[in-house]
């Protein structure tokens, strides 16, 4: 399990990575726009500085993009 994201009462405050590695079928990795719009944080210290009150870890899973 690796640090994934941090959260406040308003939602995600920052992300380190996505939970799913999404492949578009041609080998390109897709990043959801909601994640791309958030600042990057490397761990709990970064997250707390951004106002986070909760953080989570997860395992990375590879999936194909939805059609």
N, C-alpha and C. Protein backbone atom coordinates (compact mmCIF):
# COMPACT_ATOMS: atom_id res chain seq x y z
N UNK A 1 0.85 -1.17 0.00
CA UNK A 1 0.00 0.00 0.00
C UNK A 1 0.90 1.25 0.00
N UNK A 2 0.48 2.23 -0.79
CA UNK A 2 1.24 3.48 -0.90
C UNK A 2 0.30 4.65 -0.69
N UNK A 3 0.87 5.77 -0.21
CA UNK A 3 0.10 7.00 -0.03
C UNK A 3 -0.57 7.37 -1.35
N UNK A 4 -1.88 7.62 -1.30
CA UNK A 4 -2.64 7.97 -2.51
C UNK A 4 -3.09 9.42 -2.51
N UNK A 5 -3.82 9.83 -1.48
CA UNK A 5 -4.41 11.17 -1.48
C UNK A 5 -4.72 11.62 -0.07
N UNK A 6 -5.03 12.89 0.07
CA UNK A 6 -5.43 13.46 1.35
C UNK A 6 -6.73 14.23 1.17
N UNK A 7 -7.49 14.34 2.26
CA UNK A 7 -8.86 14.84 2.17
C UNK A 7 -9.17 15.84 3.27
N UNK A 8 -10.07 16.76 2.96
CA UNK A 8 -10.66 17.67 3.95
C UNK A 8 -12.17 17.46 3.88
N UNK A 9 -12.93 18.23 4.64
CA UNK A 9 -14.38 18.12 4.60
C UNK A 9 -14.94 18.47 3.23
N UNK A 10 -14.17 19.20 2.43
CA UNK A 10 -14.62 19.63 1.09
C UNK A 10 -14.23 18.66 -0.02
N UNK A 11 -13.47 17.62 0.30
CA UNK A 11 -13.03 16.66 -0.72
C UNK A 11 -11.52 16.54 -0.74
N UNK A 12 -11.00 15.98 -1.82
CA UNK A 12 -9.56 15.76 -1.94
C UNK A 12 -8.82 17.10 -1.96
N UNK A 13 -7.74 17.17 -1.18
CA UNK A 13 -6.93 18.38 -1.15
C UNK A 13 -5.67 18.24 -2.00
N UNK A 14 -5.17 17.00 -2.14
CA UNK A 14 -4.00 16.74 -2.96
C UNK A 14 -3.91 15.24 -3.24
N UNK A 15 -3.16 14.89 -4.27
CA UNK A 15 -2.98 13.49 -4.62
C UNK A 15 -1.51 13.19 -4.88
N UNK A 16 -1.11 11.96 -4.60
CA UNK A 16 0.24 11.51 -4.92
C UNK A 16 0.22 10.71 -6.20
N UNK A 17 -0.87 9.97 -6.42
CA UNK A 17 -1.00 9.12 -7.60
C UNK A 17 -2.45 8.64 -7.68
N UNK A 18 -2.79 8.09 -8.81
CA UNK A 18 -4.13 7.52 -8.95
C UNK A 18 -4.12 6.08 -8.44
N UNK A 19 -5.25 5.60 -8.03
CA UNK A 19 -5.39 4.21 -7.56
C UNK A 19 -5.31 3.23 -8.72
N UNK A 20 -5.80 3.67 -9.88
CA UNK A 20 -5.82 2.82 -11.05
C UNK A 20 -4.93 3.40 -12.13
N UNK A 21 -4.08 2.58 -12.72
CA UNK A 21 -3.33 2.98 -13.91
C UNK A 21 -4.22 2.63 -15.09
N UNK A 22 -4.74 3.64 -15.77
CA UNK A 22 -5.69 3.43 -16.86
C UNK A 22 -4.97 3.57 -18.19
N UNK A 23 -5.05 2.54 -19.00
CA UNK A 23 -4.42 2.50 -20.30
C UNK A 23 -5.49 2.73 -21.36
N UNK A 24 -5.23 3.64 -22.30
CA UNK A 24 -6.24 3.96 -23.32
C UNK A 24 -6.28 2.96 -24.47
N UNK A 25 -5.51 1.88 -24.38
CA UNK A 25 -5.51 0.86 -25.42
C UNK A 25 -4.33 0.99 -26.37
N UNK A 26 -3.72 2.16 -26.41
CA UNK A 26 -2.56 2.36 -27.29
C UNK A 26 -1.29 2.56 -26.47
N UNK A 27 -1.36 2.22 -25.18
CA UNK A 27 -0.19 2.35 -24.32
C UNK A 27 -0.05 3.67 -23.60
N UNK A 28 -0.98 4.60 -23.82
CA UNK A 28 -0.95 5.90 -23.14
C UNK A 28 -1.68 5.80 -21.81
N UNK A 29 -1.11 6.37 -20.76
CA UNK A 29 -1.73 6.39 -19.45
C UNK A 29 -2.68 7.57 -19.38
N UNK A 30 -3.91 7.32 -18.95
CA UNK A 30 -4.90 8.38 -18.80
C UNK A 30 -4.96 8.81 -17.34
N UNK A 31 -5.05 10.13 -17.11
CA UNK A 31 -5.21 10.68 -15.77
C UNK A 31 -6.54 11.42 -15.75
N UNK A 32 -7.45 11.04 -14.85
CA UNK A 32 -8.74 11.73 -14.77
C UNK A 32 -8.55 13.23 -14.54
N UNK A 33 -9.36 14.04 -15.19
CA UNK A 33 -9.22 15.49 -15.08
C UNK A 33 -9.37 15.98 -13.65
N UNK A 34 -10.19 15.31 -12.85
CA UNK A 34 -10.36 15.73 -11.46
C UNK A 34 -9.06 15.55 -10.67
N UNK A 35 -8.25 14.56 -11.01
CA UNK A 35 -6.97 14.37 -10.35
C UNK A 35 -5.94 15.36 -10.89
N UNK A 36 -5.95 15.58 -12.18
CA UNK A 36 -4.98 16.47 -12.81
C UNK A 36 -5.11 17.90 -12.29
N UNK A 37 -6.30 18.27 -11.82
CA UNK A 37 -6.54 19.63 -11.34
C UNK A 37 -6.08 19.84 -9.90
N UNK A 38 -5.76 18.76 -9.19
CA UNK A 38 -5.35 18.86 -7.78
C UNK A 38 -3.84 18.98 -7.63
N UNK A 39 -3.39 19.65 -6.57
CA UNK A 39 -1.95 19.70 -6.32
C UNK A 39 -1.42 18.31 -5.97
N UNK A 40 -0.13 18.11 -6.17
CA UNK A 40 0.52 16.86 -5.82
C UNK A 40 1.05 16.95 -4.40
N UNK A 41 0.90 15.87 -3.65
CA UNK A 41 1.50 15.81 -2.32
C UNK A 41 2.21 14.48 -2.18
N UNK A 42 3.31 14.49 -1.48
CA UNK A 42 4.12 13.29 -1.35
C UNK A 42 3.88 12.49 -0.09
N UNK A 43 3.11 13.05 0.83
CA UNK A 43 2.87 12.34 2.09
C UNK A 43 2.07 13.17 3.06
N UNK A 44 2.03 12.71 4.30
CA UNK A 44 1.19 13.35 5.31
C UNK A 44 1.61 14.77 5.64
N UNK A 45 2.91 15.05 5.65
CA UNK A 45 3.36 16.41 5.96
C UNK A 45 2.85 17.41 4.92
N UNK A 46 2.99 17.06 3.64
CA UNK A 46 2.48 17.92 2.57
C UNK A 46 0.97 18.09 2.69
N UNK A 47 0.29 17.00 2.97
CA UNK A 47 -1.18 17.02 3.04
C UNK A 47 -1.67 17.89 4.19
N UNK A 48 -1.04 17.77 5.35
CA UNK A 48 -1.45 18.55 6.52
C UNK A 48 -1.25 20.04 6.25
N UNK A 49 -0.19 20.40 5.56
CA UNK A 49 0.07 21.80 5.24
C UNK A 49 -1.02 22.36 4.33
N UNK A 50 -1.68 21.48 3.55
CA UNK A 50 -2.76 21.90 2.66
C UNK A 50 -4.13 21.83 3.29
N UNK A 51 -4.21 21.55 4.60
CA UNK A 51 -5.48 21.54 5.30
C UNK A 51 -6.17 20.19 5.37
N UNK A 52 -5.48 19.12 5.00
CA UNK A 52 -6.08 17.79 5.03
C UNK A 52 -6.28 17.32 6.46
N UNK A 53 -7.34 16.56 6.69
CA UNK A 53 -7.61 15.97 7.99
C UNK A 53 -7.63 14.44 7.93
N UNK A 54 -7.54 13.89 6.73
CA UNK A 54 -7.60 12.45 6.52
C UNK A 54 -6.75 12.11 5.30
N UNK A 55 -6.09 10.96 5.33
CA UNK A 55 -5.31 10.51 4.18
C UNK A 55 -5.55 9.03 3.98
N UNK A 56 -5.28 8.55 2.77
CA UNK A 56 -5.45 7.12 2.51
C UNK A 56 -4.29 6.56 1.70
N UNK A 57 -4.11 5.25 1.85
CA UNK A 57 -3.15 4.48 1.07
C UNK A 57 -3.94 3.48 0.24
N UNK A 58 -3.36 3.04 -0.85
CA UNK A 58 -4.01 2.02 -1.68
C UNK A 58 -2.96 1.30 -2.50
N UNK A 59 -3.37 0.19 -3.10
CA UNK A 59 -2.53 -0.54 -4.03
C UNK A 59 -2.88 -0.10 -5.44
N UNK A 60 -1.90 -0.08 -6.33
CA UNK A 60 -2.14 0.32 -7.72
C UNK A 60 -2.65 -0.89 -8.50
N UNK A 61 -3.69 -0.67 -9.30
CA UNK A 61 -4.28 -1.71 -10.14
C UNK A 61 -4.33 -1.20 -11.56
N UNK A 62 -3.89 -2.00 -12.52
CA UNK A 62 -3.95 -1.62 -13.93
C UNK A 62 -5.31 -2.04 -14.49
N UNK A 63 -5.98 -1.12 -15.22
CA UNK A 63 -7.25 -1.42 -15.85
C UNK A 63 -7.27 -0.78 -17.24
N UNK A 64 -8.13 -1.28 -18.10
CA UNK A 64 -8.33 -0.68 -19.42
C UNK A 64 -9.32 0.47 -19.31
N UNK A 65 -9.18 1.45 -20.17
CA UNK A 65 -10.11 2.57 -20.18
C UNK A 65 -11.50 2.11 -20.58
N UNK A 66 -12.51 2.76 -20.05
CA UNK A 66 -13.90 2.45 -20.41
C UNK A 66 -14.15 2.85 -21.85
N UNK A 67 -14.97 2.09 -22.52
CA UNK A 67 -15.31 2.43 -23.91
C UNK A 67 -16.56 3.27 -23.96
